[in-house]
Amino acid sequence: MTRVLMYSPTRRADKGGVQRMMDDLERMLPDHDLSVRRMGPDETEETEGIAFHPTADATDEGTPTLAAIPKAASSAVNLAQVLRRERPDVVNIHFPTGVMSYFMGMRPFFKFKLLVSIHGGDVLRPTPQMKVHLPRFLRAADAITAVSQELAQTAQDYAPAIAPKLHYIPNGADADFWRPVDVPVIPGRIVSVGRLLTIKGFDLLIEAMKALPNAVAHIYGEGDERTKLQSQIDAAGLNARVVLKGHVSPDQLRTALSEAEVFAMPSRGEGMPLALIEALACGCPAVATDVGGIPDVLTQDAGRVVPRENVPALADALSEALSGAAHYTRQGARARAEAFSHTACYDQYAQLIHSLAARDQRGHAAE
């Protein structure tokens, strides 16, 4: 059986799109004769993963500083011990950061193939120093997956030579689970989902709510911006109409999406937002900004795409959806989501991983 080690610097507990996609890969790839172990900063025996959390000054920006070298050496030893024990055929890094330099250094000794999966901010919004290292990291990969066409093109702009090993594999939702629940649609209900971060644009949705006096918005998720967003809600006097709901179970979220008249995604930047596909799968039409893979997903029979950071356009599109004047339907939303099947997505991942594992060290298919 082919052995896969999946690593991400993001915490499993953050419950963002990257983590949820990795959850699905971890669950589904074994059905394709792949043995999967997960590695990350908050893995424990309970999650059956492998903890690996190098210090930030040693890794986040590529080459360690002089003061960080002892810590970097310790992290390298820890990684070598894991690789010696697990003996992966393929290491799959999601959301590459400077930690990737450790894996690059270990590859000649442990002979694994390196699959890099890019998701959005890792390539679209790298730090200044990471931007310098990114072309080298991308060139070092044996294969690269990108969740949107925009992301694939941006990666290729950094390193044109990667084109032959770049694969567009959009995120997919489990349409068997994410389906309409038999509950009444609540007039005026808007639902939005995501980590509470500036990039997600929830401040723009709150601002747009001032122009929608008959609407109520429920925002699901947690993050560093919660206090700031709540202060904005308080200052605008919107406490009764904009509610930060926090994390809820998938069952509860599915019900919330089924009850909503419209799903809002006011993001300033995205890769291929799984939350959008899940909302559509629940039959909830969407209004979302023209970033990342959103235009690839949101066709006119499923919702409306609006310019990013344009509050009047966002408010107008939401008003249209709530008034019943929009041409898209709940049936159209569901049909569009079915084009982004998680089964098709993870079949492509499995095929790519098997093809990588079958290559010899010169990159040729094994005889």
Protein backbone atom coordinates (compact mmCIF):
# COMPACT_ATOMS: atom_id res chain seq x y z
CA MET A 1 0.00 0.00 0.00
CA THR A 2 1.27 3.47 -0.87
CA ARG A 3 2.09 5.52 2.23
CA VAL A 4 1.16 9.21 2.36
CA LEU A 5 2.21 11.76 4.98
CA MET A 6 0.04 14.91 4.89
CA TYR A 7 1.38 18.04 6.55
CA SER A 8 -0.03 21.53 7.06
CA PRO A 9 1.22 24.37 9.28
CA THR A 10 -2.40 25.28 10.03
CA ARG A 11 -4.02 23.78 13.11
CA ARG A 12 -6.57 21.01 12.65
CA ALA A 13 -8.75 22.73 15.27
CA ASP A 14 -9.07 25.91 13.17
CA LYS A 15 -11.77 24.21 11.04
CA GLY A 16 -11.07 26.31 7.94
CA GLY A 17 -11.32 25.13 4.35
CA VAL A 18 -7.79 23.71 4.27
CA GLN A 19 -8.36 21.67 7.42
CA ARG A 20 -11.73 20.39 6.26
CA MET A 21 -10.31 19.34 2.92
CA MET A 22 -7.53 17.47 4.72
CA ASP A 23 -10.16 15.82 6.92
CA ASP A 24 -11.85 14.52 3.78
CA LEU A 25 -8.59 13.33 2.22
CA GLU A 26 -7.67 11.54 5.43
CA ARG A 27 -11.05 9.80 5.44
CA MET A 28 -11.38 8.97 1.73
CA LEU A 29 -7.90 8.19 0.39
CA PRO A 30 -7.67 4.83 2.21
CA ASP A 31 -10.48 3.64 -0.10
CA HIS A 32 -7.96 4.10 -2.93
CA ASP A 33 -5.30 1.79 -1.45
CA LEU A 34 -3.49 4.68 0.23
CA SER A 35 -2.33 4.69 3.84
CA VAL A 36 -2.57 8.24 5.24
CA ARG A 37 -0.94 9.80 8.32
CA ARG A 38 -1.50 13.43 9.20
CA MET A 39 1.10 15.78 10.63
CA GLY A 40 0.65 19.28 12.03
CA PRO A 41 1.14 21.66 14.95
CA ASP A 42 -1.76 20.43 17.10
CA GLU A 43 -1.92 16.72 16.30
CA THR A 44 -2.25 14.38 19.29
CA GLU A 45 -2.68 10.69 20.05
CA GLU A 46 -6.41 11.37 20.16
CA THR A 47 -6.41 12.61 16.54
CA GLU A 48 -4.02 9.77 15.59
CA GLY A 49 -1.78 12.35 13.96
CA ILE A 50 1.86 13.37 14.38
CA ALA A 51 2.75 16.63 16.13
CA PHE A 52 5.28 18.82 14.32
CA HIS A 53 5.53 22.52 15.13
CA PRO A 54 8.91 24.13 14.37
CA THR A 55 9.46 27.53 15.98
CA ALA A 56 8.28 30.45 13.85
CA ASP A 57 11.62 32.23 13.68
CA ALA A 58 13.21 29.07 12.37
CA THR A 59 10.76 28.38 9.61
CA ASP A 60 8.14 30.89 8.59
CA GLU A 61 10.28 32.90 6.23
CA GLY A 62 12.56 30.23 4.79
CA THR A 63 16.19 30.27 5.95
CA PRO A 64 16.51 30.29 9.77
CA THR A 65 18.13 33.23 11.52
CA LEU A 66 21.44 32.59 13.30
CA ALA A 67 19.73 32.59 16.70
CA ALA A 68 17.19 30.07 15.44
CA ILE A 69 19.69 27.53 14.11
CA PRO A 70 19.72 25.36 17.28
CA LYS A 71 15.91 25.21 17.25
CA ALA A 72 15.92 24.49 13.52
CA ALA A 73 18.40 21.66 14.06
CA SER A 74 16.16 20.15 16.73
CA SER A 75 13.16 20.38 14.40
CA ALA A 76 15.14 18.72 11.61
CA VAL A 77 16.07 15.83 13.91
CA ASN A 78 12.44 15.42 14.95
CA LEU A 79 11.31 15.36 11.33
CA ALA A 80 14.00 12.83 10.41
CA GLN A 81 12.79 10.54 13.18
CA VAL A 82 9.22 10.76 11.89
CA LEU A 83 10.28 10.06 8.30
CA ARG A 84 12.43 7.11 9.37
CA ARG A 85 9.49 5.62 11.26
CA GLU A 86 6.73 6.35 8.72
CA ARG A 87 8.70 5.85 5.48
CA PRO A 88 6.21 7.78 3.31
CA ASP A 89 6.20 7.27 -0.44
CA VAL A 90 4.62 10.72 -0.89
CA VAL A 91 4.66 13.76 1.38
CA ASN A 92 1.72 16.07 0.67
CA ILE A 93 2.22 19.62 2.01
CA HIS A 94 -0.90 21.78 2.22
CA PHE A 95 -0.39 25.55 2.38
CA PRO A 96 3.40 25.71 1.96
CA THR A 97 5.45 27.94 4.25
CA GLY A 98 9.10 28.01 5.19
CA VAL A 99 8.61 24.64 6.92
CA MET A 100 8.83 23.14 3.45
CA SER A 101 12.60 23.72 3.53
CA TYR A 102 12.87 20.95 6.14
CA PHE A 103 11.13 18.46 3.87
CA MET A 104 13.25 19.54 0.90
CA GLY A 105 16.37 18.89 2.95
CA MET A 106 15.19 15.43 4.00
CA ARG A 107 14.03 14.25 0.58
CA PRO A 108 17.44 13.03 -0.70
CA PHE A 109 17.77 10.78 2.36
CA PHE A 110 14.25 9.36 2.51
CA LYS A 111 13.43 9.28 -1.22
CA PHE A 112 9.80 10.42 -0.97
CA LYS A 113 7.96 12.37 -3.65
CA LEU A 114 6.87 15.88 -2.72
CA LEU A 115 3.30 16.94 -3.57
CA VAL A 116 2.49 20.56 -2.75
CA SER A 117 -1.17 21.62 -2.51
CA ILE A 118 -1.81 25.37 -2.70
CA HIS A 119 -5.07 26.82 -1.41
CA GLY A 120 -5.12 30.63 -1.63
CA GLY A 121 -3.28 32.91 0.75
CA ASP A 122 -0.14 30.80 0.54
CA VAL A 123 0.38 31.95 -3.07
CA LEU A 124 -1.94 34.95 -3.45
CA ARG A 125 -0.82 36.77 -0.28
CA PRO A 126 2.62 35.53 0.81
CA THR A 127 4.71 37.57 3.24
CA PRO A 128 7.46 39.66 1.58
CA GLN A 129 10.21 37.20 2.53
CA MET A 130 8.13 34.15 1.69
CA LYS A 131 7.50 35.70 -1.72
CA VAL A 132 11.24 35.47 -2.35
CA HIS A 133 11.36 31.76 -1.45
CA LEU A 134 8.10 30.70 -3.11
CA PRO A 135 9.48 30.14 -6.65
CA ARG A 136 12.16 27.83 -5.23
CA PHE A 137 9.62 25.90 -3.17
CA LEU A 138 7.30 25.46 -6.16
CA ARG A 139 10.12 24.30 -8.42
CA ALA A 140 11.20 21.76 -5.79
CA ALA A 141 7.82 19.99 -5.82
CA ASP A 142 7.36 16.81 -7.84
CA ALA A 143 3.76 17.87 -8.42
CA ILE A 144 1.53 20.79 -7.42
CA THR A 145 -2.23 20.95 -7.00
CA ALA A 146 -4.21 24.19 -7.11
CA VAL A 147 -7.85 24.52 -6.07
CA SER A 148 -8.71 27.27 -8.58
CA GLN A 149 -7.65 28.35 -12.05
CA GLU A 150 -6.63 31.77 -10.74
CA LEU A 151 -4.40 30.13 -8.16
CA ALA A 152 -2.81 27.83 -10.73
CA GLN A 153 -2.01 30.80 -12.97
CA THR A 154 -0.55 32.81 -10.08
CA ALA A 155 1.70 29.90 -9.12
CA GLN A 156 2.86 29.59 -12.72
CA ASP A 157 3.60 33.32 -12.80
CA TYR A 158 6.00 32.79 -9.88
CA ALA A 159 7.71 29.84 -11.54
CA PRO A 160 6.86 29.29 -15.24
CA ALA A 161 8.79 26.01 -15.35
CA ILE A 162 6.24 24.29 -13.09
CA ALA A 163 3.54 24.20 -15.79
CA PRO A 164 3.96 20.48 -16.67
CA LYS A 165 3.56 19.39 -13.04
CA LEU A 166 0.71 21.76 -12.10
CA HIS A 167 -2.73 20.16 -11.62
CA TYR A 168 -6.03 22.00 -11.18
CA ILE A 169 -8.16 19.99 -8.73
CA PRO A 170 -11.06 22.02 -7.33
CA ASN A 171 -12.41 21.35 -3.87
CA GLY A 172 -15.46 19.13 -3.73
CA ALA A 173 -18.34 18.85 -1.28
CA ASP A 174 -20.09 15.71 -0.07
CA ALA A 175 -23.43 16.26 -1.79
CA ASP A 176 -24.91 13.25 0.03
CA PHE A 177 -24.44 15.04 3.36
CA TRP A 178 -24.73 18.66 2.24
CA ARG A 179 -28.27 18.53 0.94
CA PRO A 180 -31.46 20.49 1.57
CA VAL A 181 -33.05 19.72 4.93
CA ASP A 182 -36.84 19.68 5.13
CA VAL A 183 -37.22 22.94 7.06
CA PRO A 184 -39.01 26.18 6.10
CA VAL A 185 -36.92 28.90 4.48
CA ILE A 186 -36.84 31.92 6.80
CA PRO A 187 -37.64 35.17 4.93
CA GLY A 188 -34.82 37.69 5.17
CA ARG A 189 -32.30 35.19 6.56
CA ILE A 190 -28.72 35.56 5.30
CA VAL A 191 -26.06 33.03 6.30
CA SER A 192 -22.30 33.43 5.96
CA VAL A 193 -19.59 30.96 6.96
CA GLY A 194 -15.84 31.24 7.44
CA ARG A 195 -12.99 32.00 9.78
CA LEU A 196 -13.34 35.45 11.32
CA LEU A 197 -10.40 37.04 9.53
CA THR A 198 -10.02 40.31 7.63
CA ILE A 199 -9.57 38.46 4.33
CA LYS A 200 -13.07 36.97 4.67
CA GLY A 201 -14.72 40.40 4.45
CA PHE A 202 -17.33 39.99 7.18
CA ASP A 203 -16.89 43.69 8.01
CA LEU A 204 -18.21 44.41 4.51
CA LEU A 205 -21.28 42.25 5.11
CA ILE A 206 -21.95 44.06 8.39
CA GLU A 207 -21.71 47.39 6.57
CA ALA A 208 -24.06 46.13 3.83
CA MET A 209 -26.62 45.13 6.47
CA LYS A 210 -27.25 48.81 7.19
CA ALA A 211 -29.01 48.96 3.81
CA LEU A 212 -31.08 45.80 4.45
CA PRO A 213 -33.47 46.71 7.30
CA ASN A 214 -35.60 43.58 6.93
CA ALA A 215 -32.70 41.11 6.84
CA VAL A 216 -31.00 39.11 9.58
CA ALA A 217 -27.47 37.77 9.04
CA HIS A 218 -26.03 34.80 10.93
CA ILE A 219 -22.24 34.46 10.62
CA TYR A 220 -20.80 31.04 11.50
CA GLY A 221 -17.14 30.56 12.44
CA GLU A 222 -14.46 31.74 14.84
CA GLY A 223 -11.25 33.68 14.45
CA ASP A 224 -8.98 36.51 15.51
CA GLU A 225 -11.36 39.24 14.30
CA ARG A 226 -14.33 38.25 16.47
CA THR A 227 -13.92 41.07 19.01
CA LYS A 228 -13.41 43.65 16.27
CA LEU A 229 -16.45 42.46 14.32
CA GLN A 230 -18.63 42.45 17.42
CA SER A 231 -17.54 46.02 18.15
CA GLN A 232 -18.52 47.00 14.61
CA ILE A 233 -21.93 45.36 15.08
CA ASP A 234 -22.44 47.15 18.40
CA ALA A 235 -21.39 50.54 17.01
CA ALA A 236 -23.81 50.17 14.08
CA GLY A 237 -26.70 49.17 16.35
CA LEU A 238 -27.11 45.89 14.49
CA ASN A 239 -27.07 43.50 17.44
CA ALA A 240 -30.57 42.25 16.70
CA ARG A 241 -29.84 41.67 13.00
CA VAL A 242 -26.21 40.48 12.78
CA VAL A 243 -25.26 37.56 15.01
CA LEU A 244 -21.86 35.89 15.34
CA LYS A 245 -22.89 32.27 15.86
CA GLY A 246 -19.44 30.71 16.37
CA HIS A 247 -18.70 27.10 15.52
CA VAL A 248 -21.60 24.67 15.21
CA SER A 249 -21.84 21.03 14.22
CA PRO A 250 -22.09 20.09 10.52
CA ASP A 251 -25.69 18.99 11.10
CA GLN A 252 -26.58 22.37 12.60
CA LEU A 253 -24.84 24.22 9.78
CA ARG A 254 -26.66 22.17 7.16
CA THR A 255 -29.97 23.14 8.77
CA ALA A 256 -28.95 26.81 8.92
CA LEU A 257 -28.05 26.79 5.21
CA SER A 258 -31.34 25.12 4.34
CA GLU A 259 -33.25 27.81 6.27
CA ALA A 260 -31.42 30.74 4.67
CA GLU A 261 -32.80 32.70 1.74
CA VAL A 262 -29.29 33.50 0.55
CA PHE A 263 -25.69 32.69 1.38
CA ALA A 264 -23.23 35.61 1.48
CA MET A 265 -19.50 35.33 0.80
CA PRO A 266 -18.01 38.86 0.90
CA SER A 267 -14.38 37.69 0.75
CA ARG A 268 -11.41 39.83 -0.22
CA GLY A 269 -9.59 36.69 -1.32
CA GLU A 270 -10.26 32.95 -1.69
CA GLY A 271 -8.89 29.79 -3.22
CA MET A 272 -11.80 27.46 -3.95
CA PRO A 273 -14.22 28.06 -1.05
CA LEU A 274 -15.69 24.80 0.19
CA ALA A 275 -18.25 26.72 2.25
CA LEU A 276 -19.75 28.14 -0.95
CA ILE A 277 -20.10 24.72 -2.56
CA GLU A 278 -21.68 23.32 0.60
CA ALA A 279 -24.19 26.17 0.73
CA LEU A 280 -25.20 25.57 -2.88
CA ALA A 281 -25.49 21.85 -2.19
CA CYS A 282 -28.03 22.70 0.53
CA GLY A 283 -30.06 24.53 -2.11
CA CYS A 284 -29.09 27.98 -0.87
CA PRO A 285 -28.38 30.50 -3.67
CA ALA A 286 -25.37 32.72 -3.06
CA VAL A 287 -24.02 36.22 -3.47
CA ALA A 288 -20.23 36.20 -3.50
CA THR A 289 -17.31 38.35 -4.60
CA ASP A 290 -15.26 37.90 -7.77
CA VAL A 291 -12.17 36.40 -6.12
CA GLY A 292 -10.31 33.11 -6.47
CA GLY A 293 -12.39 30.18 -7.65
CA ILE A 294 -15.75 31.81 -6.89
CA PRO A 295 -16.49 32.76 -10.54
CA ASP A 296 -15.66 29.14 -11.51
CA VAL A 297 -18.41 27.91 -9.19
CA LEU A 298 -21.11 30.57 -9.04
CA THR A 299 -22.98 30.63 -12.33
CA GLN A 300 -26.05 32.79 -12.97
CA ASP A 301 -28.49 29.96 -12.23
CA ALA A 302 -27.01 29.55 -8.72
CA GLY A 303 -26.36 33.11 -7.58
CA ARG A 304 -24.65 36.37 -8.33
CA VAL A 305 -21.00 37.43 -8.38
CA VAL A 306 -20.24 41.01 -7.27
CA PRO A 307 -17.04 43.09 -7.25
CA ARG A 308 -14.83 42.64 -4.23
CA GLU A 309 -14.86 45.32 -1.50
CA ASN A 310 -17.91 46.99 -3.02
CA VAL A 311 -20.47 47.36 -0.23
CA PRO A 312 -23.23 48.97 -2.39
CA ALA A 313 -22.98 46.15 -4.95
CA LEU A 314 -23.05 43.54 -2.18
CA ALA A 315 -26.09 45.15 -0.55
CA ASP A 316 -27.88 45.46 -3.90
CA ALA A 317 -27.32 41.80 -4.79
CA LEU A 318 -28.48 40.63 -1.36
CA SER A 319 -31.56 42.86 -1.60
CA GLU A 320 -32.37 41.37 -5.00
CA ALA A 321 -32.06 37.84 -3.60
CA LEU A 322 -34.30 38.61 -0.63
CA SER A 323 -36.93 40.38 -2.73
CA GLY A 324 -37.53 37.39 -4.98
CA ALA A 325 -36.47 39.36 -8.05
CA ALA A 326 -33.39 37.22 -8.72
CA HIS A 327 -33.44 34.72 -11.60
CA TYR A 328 -31.53 31.98 -9.76
CA THR A 329 -33.30 29.26 -7.80
CA ARG A 330 -32.68 26.79 -5.01
CA GLN A 331 -32.85 23.97 -7.56
CA GLY A 332 -30.22 25.73 -9.68
CA ALA A 333 -27.95 26.13 -6.67
CA ARG A 334 -28.17 22.43 -5.83
CA ALA A 335 -27.54 21.40 -9.44
CA ARG A 336 -24.45 23.60 -9.64
CA ALA A 337 -22.96 22.09 -6.47
CA GLU A 338 -23.31 18.60 -7.91
CA ALA A 339 -20.73 19.57 -10.54
CA PHE A 340 -18.18 19.81 -7.70
CA SER A 341 -18.40 16.29 -6.32
CA HIS A 342 -15.99 15.42 -3.54
CA THR A 343 -15.74 11.92 -5.03
CA ALA A 344 -14.37 13.28 -8.32
CA CYS A 345 -12.01 15.59 -6.45
CA TYR A 346 -10.46 12.89 -4.28
CA ASP A 347 -10.33 10.39 -7.14
CA GLN A 348 -8.04 12.86 -8.90
CA TYR A 349 -5.87 13.23 -5.79
CA ALA A 350 -5.58 9.46 -5.45
CA GLN A 351 -4.60 9.02 -9.09
CA LEU A 352 -1.96 11.73 -8.81
CA ILE A 353 -0.48 10.28 -5.61
CA HIS A 354 -0.28 6.79 -7.11
CA SER A 355 1.41 8.16 -10.24
CA LEU A 356 3.97 10.03 -8.13
CA ALA A 357 4.73 6.99 -6.00
CA ALA A 358 5.27 4.92 -9.15
CA ARG A 359 7.99 7.22 -10.49
CA ASP A 360 11.64 6.39 -10.06
CA GLN A 361 14.03 8.96 -8.63
CA ARG A 362 14.61 10.49 -12.07
CA GLY A 363 10.91 11.29 -12.38
CA HIS A 364 10.13 8.48 -14.84
CA ALA A 365 7.36 5.93 -14.45
CA ALA A 366 8.75 2.77 -12.87
CA GLU A 367 9.07 -0.24 -15.16
